[in-house]
Every structure is written in C-alpha cells, then in structure tokens.
Amino acid sequence: MRIIAELPHPEFKISILNMNNKFIVKIEQGNLEQTYKIAESDLLDGVNSVFELLDEEFLKTVSARFTEMRKDYKETFYRYNY
C-alpha cells in the first residue's frame, strides 16, 4: 500500500492510497477515520476520477458522519467509565 496523493482540506486529512487494483481513500479527523475502497476498473480516469468523487457534497456527509461517530464514541466511553 502506498500513498499516491494527499488532498488539502481544512477539517480532515485526506490520503489516497493504491493497493491491489483499488484506490483507498482515507479521511481522518482526530482519532477517527473513514475509509472508502474504489476498484480502479470502476473509474474512467484513474486517480483523477477519485478527485472528482470527493466533491463538496460528499465531504459534507463525511463531516456529518464524523460528528455521529464522535457522539457514538463519547456515549460508549461514558457507559464504560460510569
């Protein structure tokens, strides 16, 4: 697995990796991570197509998902400690 690109974003660290004929999009925020795997054969223009997939609408849903993930983690951590 190797990093082939990193995209600047004010909220996330976005890395695009390549492994076994798949692009792996890894989006990190703090201690949370979302990963998406995309078969190279599903894309017409290689890594450029990955850039197109990561549009503003998609990244808004990623942000909302991080909010939910953080909420879920805090709730379970609270149950564990109290």
N, C-alpha and C. Protein backbone atom coordinates (compact mmCIF):
# COMPACT_ATOMS: atom_id res chain seq x y z
N MET A 1 0.86 -1.16 0.00
CA MET A 1 0.00 0.00 0.00
C MET A 1 0.91 1.23 0.00
N ARG A 2 0.60 2.15 -0.89
CA ARG A 2 1.41 3.35 -0.93
C ARG A 2 0.52 4.57 -1.14
N ILE A 3 0.91 5.67 -0.52
CA ILE A 3 0.19 6.92 -0.68
C ILE A 3 0.54 7.51 -2.04
N ILE A 4 -0.49 7.81 -2.82
CA ILE A 4 -0.24 8.39 -4.14
C ILE A 4 -0.65 9.86 -4.21
N ALA A 5 -1.46 10.31 -3.22
CA ALA A 5 -1.85 11.72 -3.19
C ALA A 5 -2.40 12.07 -1.82
N GLU A 6 -2.27 13.34 -1.48
CA GLU A 6 -2.92 13.89 -0.29
C GLU A 6 -3.63 15.16 -0.73
N LEU A 7 -4.85 15.31 -0.27
CA LEU A 7 -5.63 16.47 -0.65
C LEU A 7 -5.75 17.41 0.55
N PRO A 8 -5.46 18.68 0.34
CA PRO A 8 -5.62 19.62 1.45
C PRO A 8 -7.10 19.86 1.75
N HIS A 9 -7.40 19.92 3.04
CA HIS A 9 -8.77 20.22 3.48
C HIS A 9 -8.67 20.81 4.88
N PRO A 10 -9.46 21.84 5.18
CA PRO A 10 -9.35 22.49 6.49
C PRO A 10 -9.81 21.62 7.67
N GLU A 11 -10.68 20.64 7.45
CA GLU A 11 -11.22 19.83 8.54
C GLU A 11 -10.60 18.44 8.64
N PHE A 12 -10.12 17.89 7.55
CA PHE A 12 -9.70 16.48 7.51
C PHE A 12 -8.29 16.35 6.94
N LYS A 13 -7.72 15.19 7.20
CA LYS A 13 -6.54 14.76 6.45
C LYS A 13 -7.05 13.74 5.45
N ILE A 14 -6.86 13.99 4.18
CA ILE A 14 -7.35 13.11 3.13
C ILE A 14 -6.15 12.53 2.39
N SER A 15 -6.05 11.20 2.42
CA SER A 15 -4.98 10.50 1.72
C SER A 15 -5.60 9.52 0.73
N ILE A 16 -4.97 9.42 -0.43
CA ILE A 16 -5.38 8.44 -1.43
C ILE A 16 -4.24 7.45 -1.58
N LEU A 17 -4.57 6.18 -1.38
CA LEU A 17 -3.57 5.12 -1.46
C LEU A 17 -3.93 4.18 -2.59
N ASN A 18 -2.98 3.38 -2.99
CA ASN A 18 -3.21 2.40 -4.04
C ASN A 18 -2.72 1.05 -3.57
N MET A 19 -3.61 0.03 -3.71
CA MET A 19 -3.25 -1.32 -3.31
C MET A 19 -4.17 -2.31 -4.00
N ASN A 20 -3.62 -3.36 -4.57
CA ASN A 20 -4.38 -4.46 -5.17
C ASN A 20 -5.47 -3.97 -6.13
N ASN A 21 -5.10 -3.11 -7.05
CA ASN A 21 -6.03 -2.59 -8.05
C ASN A 21 -7.20 -1.83 -7.46
N LYS A 22 -6.98 -1.23 -6.31
CA LYS A 22 -8.00 -0.41 -5.67
C LYS A 22 -7.39 0.91 -5.23
N PHE A 23 -8.19 1.95 -5.30
CA PHE A 23 -7.84 3.21 -4.65
C PHE A 23 -8.49 3.18 -3.28
N ILE A 24 -7.74 3.55 -2.29
CA ILE A 24 -8.26 3.62 -0.93
C ILE A 24 -8.22 5.08 -0.51
N VAL A 25 -9.39 5.62 -0.20
CA VAL A 25 -9.49 7.00 0.26
C VAL A 25 -9.61 6.95 1.77
N LYS A 26 -8.62 7.51 2.45
CA LYS A 26 -8.61 7.52 3.91
C LYS A 26 -8.79 8.96 4.37
N ILE A 27 -9.84 9.18 5.15
CA ILE A 27 -10.15 10.52 5.65
C ILE A 27 -10.09 10.46 7.16
N GLU A 28 -9.24 11.30 7.74
CA GLU A 28 -9.02 11.28 9.18
C GLU A 28 -9.39 12.63 9.80
N GLN A 29 -9.93 12.53 11.00
CA GLN A 29 -10.21 13.72 11.80
C GLN A 29 -9.96 13.34 13.25
N GLY A 30 -8.89 13.84 13.82
CA GLY A 30 -8.53 13.47 15.19
C GLY A 30 -8.25 11.98 15.26
N ASN A 31 -8.91 11.32 16.22
CA ASN A 31 -8.70 9.88 16.38
C ASN A 31 -9.70 9.03 15.60
N LEU A 32 -10.46 9.65 14.71
CA LEU A 32 -11.46 8.94 13.91
C LEU A 32 -11.00 8.84 12.46
N GLU A 33 -11.46 7.81 11.79
CA GLU A 33 -11.07 7.58 10.40
C GLU A 33 -12.22 6.95 9.61
N GLN A 34 -12.38 7.40 8.38
CA GLN A 34 -13.30 6.77 7.44
C GLN A 34 -12.49 6.32 6.24
N THR A 35 -12.78 5.12 5.74
CA THR A 35 -12.04 4.58 4.62
C THR A 35 -13.03 4.11 3.55
N TYR A 36 -12.71 4.45 2.31
CA TYR A 36 -13.53 4.05 1.17
C TYR A 36 -12.62 3.37 0.16
N LYS A 37 -13.04 2.21 -0.33
CA LYS A 37 -12.26 1.47 -1.33
C LYS A 37 -13.00 1.52 -2.66
N ILE A 38 -12.25 1.85 -3.70
CA ILE A 38 -12.83 2.00 -5.03
C ILE A 38 -11.99 1.19 -6.02
N ALA A 39 -12.60 0.29 -6.71
CA ALA A 39 -11.88 -0.51 -7.71
C ALA A 39 -11.41 0.39 -8.85
N GLU A 40 -10.16 0.22 -9.24
CA GLU A 40 -9.63 1.00 -10.36
C GLU A 40 -10.49 0.83 -11.61
N SER A 41 -11.02 -0.36 -11.81
CA SER A 41 -11.82 -0.64 -13.01
C SER A 41 -13.15 0.11 -13.02
N ASP A 42 -13.58 0.65 -11.87
CA ASP A 42 -14.82 1.41 -11.80
C ASP A 42 -14.64 2.87 -12.22
N LEU A 43 -13.41 3.28 -12.43
CA LEU A 43 -13.12 4.68 -12.72
C LEU A 43 -12.56 4.83 -14.13
N LEU A 44 -12.95 5.91 -14.79
CA LEU A 44 -12.52 6.13 -16.16
C LEU A 44 -11.15 6.79 -16.27
N ASP A 45 -10.81 7.63 -15.29
CA ASP A 45 -9.60 8.45 -15.41
C ASP A 45 -8.67 8.28 -14.21
N GLY A 46 -8.57 7.06 -13.69
CA GLY A 46 -7.65 6.77 -12.59
C GLY A 46 -7.84 7.65 -11.38
N VAL A 47 -6.72 8.09 -10.83
CA VAL A 47 -6.78 8.88 -9.59
C VAL A 47 -7.50 10.21 -9.81
N ASN A 48 -7.50 10.75 -11.02
CA ASN A 48 -8.24 11.98 -11.29
C ASN A 48 -9.73 11.80 -11.05
N SER A 49 -10.24 10.61 -11.33
CA SER A 49 -11.65 10.32 -11.05
C SER A 49 -11.92 10.31 -9.54
N VAL A 50 -10.94 9.85 -8.76
CA VAL A 50 -11.09 9.87 -7.30
C VAL A 50 -11.25 11.31 -6.84
N PHE A 51 -10.42 12.21 -7.37
CA PHE A 51 -10.54 13.62 -7.00
C PHE A 51 -11.94 14.15 -7.29
N GLU A 52 -12.51 13.75 -8.42
CA GLU A 52 -13.85 14.20 -8.79
C GLU A 52 -14.91 13.66 -7.83
N LEU A 53 -14.72 12.43 -7.35
CA LEU A 53 -15.68 11.85 -6.41
C LEU A 53 -15.72 12.61 -5.08
N LEU A 54 -14.61 13.19 -4.70
CA LEU A 54 -14.52 13.87 -3.40
C LEU A 54 -15.01 15.31 -3.51
N ASP A 55 -16.25 15.46 -3.96
CA ASP A 55 -16.80 16.80 -4.12
C ASP A 55 -17.31 17.34 -2.78
N GLU A 56 -17.74 18.57 -2.80
CA GLU A 56 -18.16 19.25 -1.56
C GLU A 56 -19.35 18.56 -0.89
N GLU A 57 -20.29 18.10 -1.67
CA GLU A 57 -21.46 17.41 -1.11
C GLU A 57 -21.04 16.13 -0.37
N PHE A 58 -20.15 15.36 -0.98
CA PHE A 58 -19.65 14.14 -0.33
C PHE A 58 -18.93 14.49 0.97
N LEU A 59 -18.07 15.51 0.93
CA LEU A 59 -17.31 15.86 2.13
C LEU A 59 -18.20 16.40 3.25
N LYS A 60 -19.34 16.99 2.90
CA LYS A 60 -20.30 17.40 3.93
C LYS A 60 -20.87 16.18 4.64
N THR A 61 -21.15 15.11 3.91
CA THR A 61 -21.66 13.90 4.54
C THR A 61 -20.57 13.23 5.38
N VAL A 62 -19.32 13.32 4.93
CA VAL A 62 -18.21 12.80 5.72
C VAL A 62 -18.13 13.54 7.05
N SER A 63 -18.26 14.86 7.00
CA SER A 63 -18.22 15.66 8.21
C SER A 63 -19.35 15.29 9.17
N ALA A 64 -20.54 15.13 8.63
CA ALA A 64 -21.69 14.73 9.47
C ALA A 64 -21.46 13.35 10.08
N ARG A 65 -20.88 12.45 9.31
CA ARG A 65 -20.60 11.10 9.82
C ARG A 65 -19.56 11.15 10.94
N PHE A 66 -18.55 12.01 10.80
CA PHE A 66 -17.58 12.17 11.88
C PHE A 66 -18.26 12.68 13.16
N THR A 67 -19.20 13.58 13.01
CA THR A 67 -19.94 14.09 14.17
C THR A 67 -20.69 12.95 14.86
N GLU A 68 -21.34 12.11 14.07
CA GLU A 68 -22.06 10.96 14.63
C GLU A 68 -21.10 9.95 15.26
N MET A 69 -19.99 9.70 14.60
CA MET A 69 -19.00 8.77 15.15
C MET A 69 -18.48 9.26 16.49
N ARG A 70 -18.20 10.55 16.58
CA ARG A 70 -17.69 11.12 17.83
C ARG A 70 -18.74 11.00 18.94
N LYS A 71 -19.99 11.27 18.58
CA LYS A 71 -21.09 11.14 19.55
C LYS A 71 -21.21 9.70 20.04
N ASP A 72 -21.19 8.75 19.12
CA ASP A 72 -21.27 7.34 19.49
C ASP A 72 -20.13 6.93 20.41
N TYR A 73 -18.93 7.38 20.07
CA TYR A 73 -17.77 7.02 20.88
C TYR A 73 -17.88 7.62 22.28
N LYS A 74 -18.28 8.87 22.37
CA LYS A 74 -18.42 9.51 23.69
C LYS A 74 -19.46 8.80 24.54
N GLU A 75 -20.57 8.40 23.92
CA GLU A 75 -21.62 7.69 24.67
C GLU A 75 -21.13 6.35 25.18
N THR A 76 -20.46 5.59 24.36
CA THR A 76 -19.98 4.28 24.81
C THR A 76 -18.86 4.43 25.84
N PHE A 77 -18.02 5.43 25.68
CA PHE A 77 -16.94 5.66 26.64
C PHE A 77 -17.53 6.06 27.99
N TYR A 78 -18.59 6.87 27.95
CA TYR A 78 -19.27 7.26 29.20
C TYR A 78 -19.86 6.03 29.89
N ARG A 79 -20.52 5.15 29.14
CA ARG A 79 -21.09 3.93 29.72
C ARG A 79 -20.00 3.06 30.33
N TYR A 80 -18.85 3.01 29.69
CA TYR A 80 -17.73 2.20 30.16
C TYR A 80 -17.17 2.75 31.48
N ASN A 81 -17.10 4.05 31.59
CA ASN A 81 -16.47 4.68 32.78
C ASN A 81 -17.42 4.95 33.92
N TYR A 82 -18.74 4.85 33.69
CA TYR A 82 -19.68 5.20 34.79
C TYR A 82 -20.70 4.14 35.00
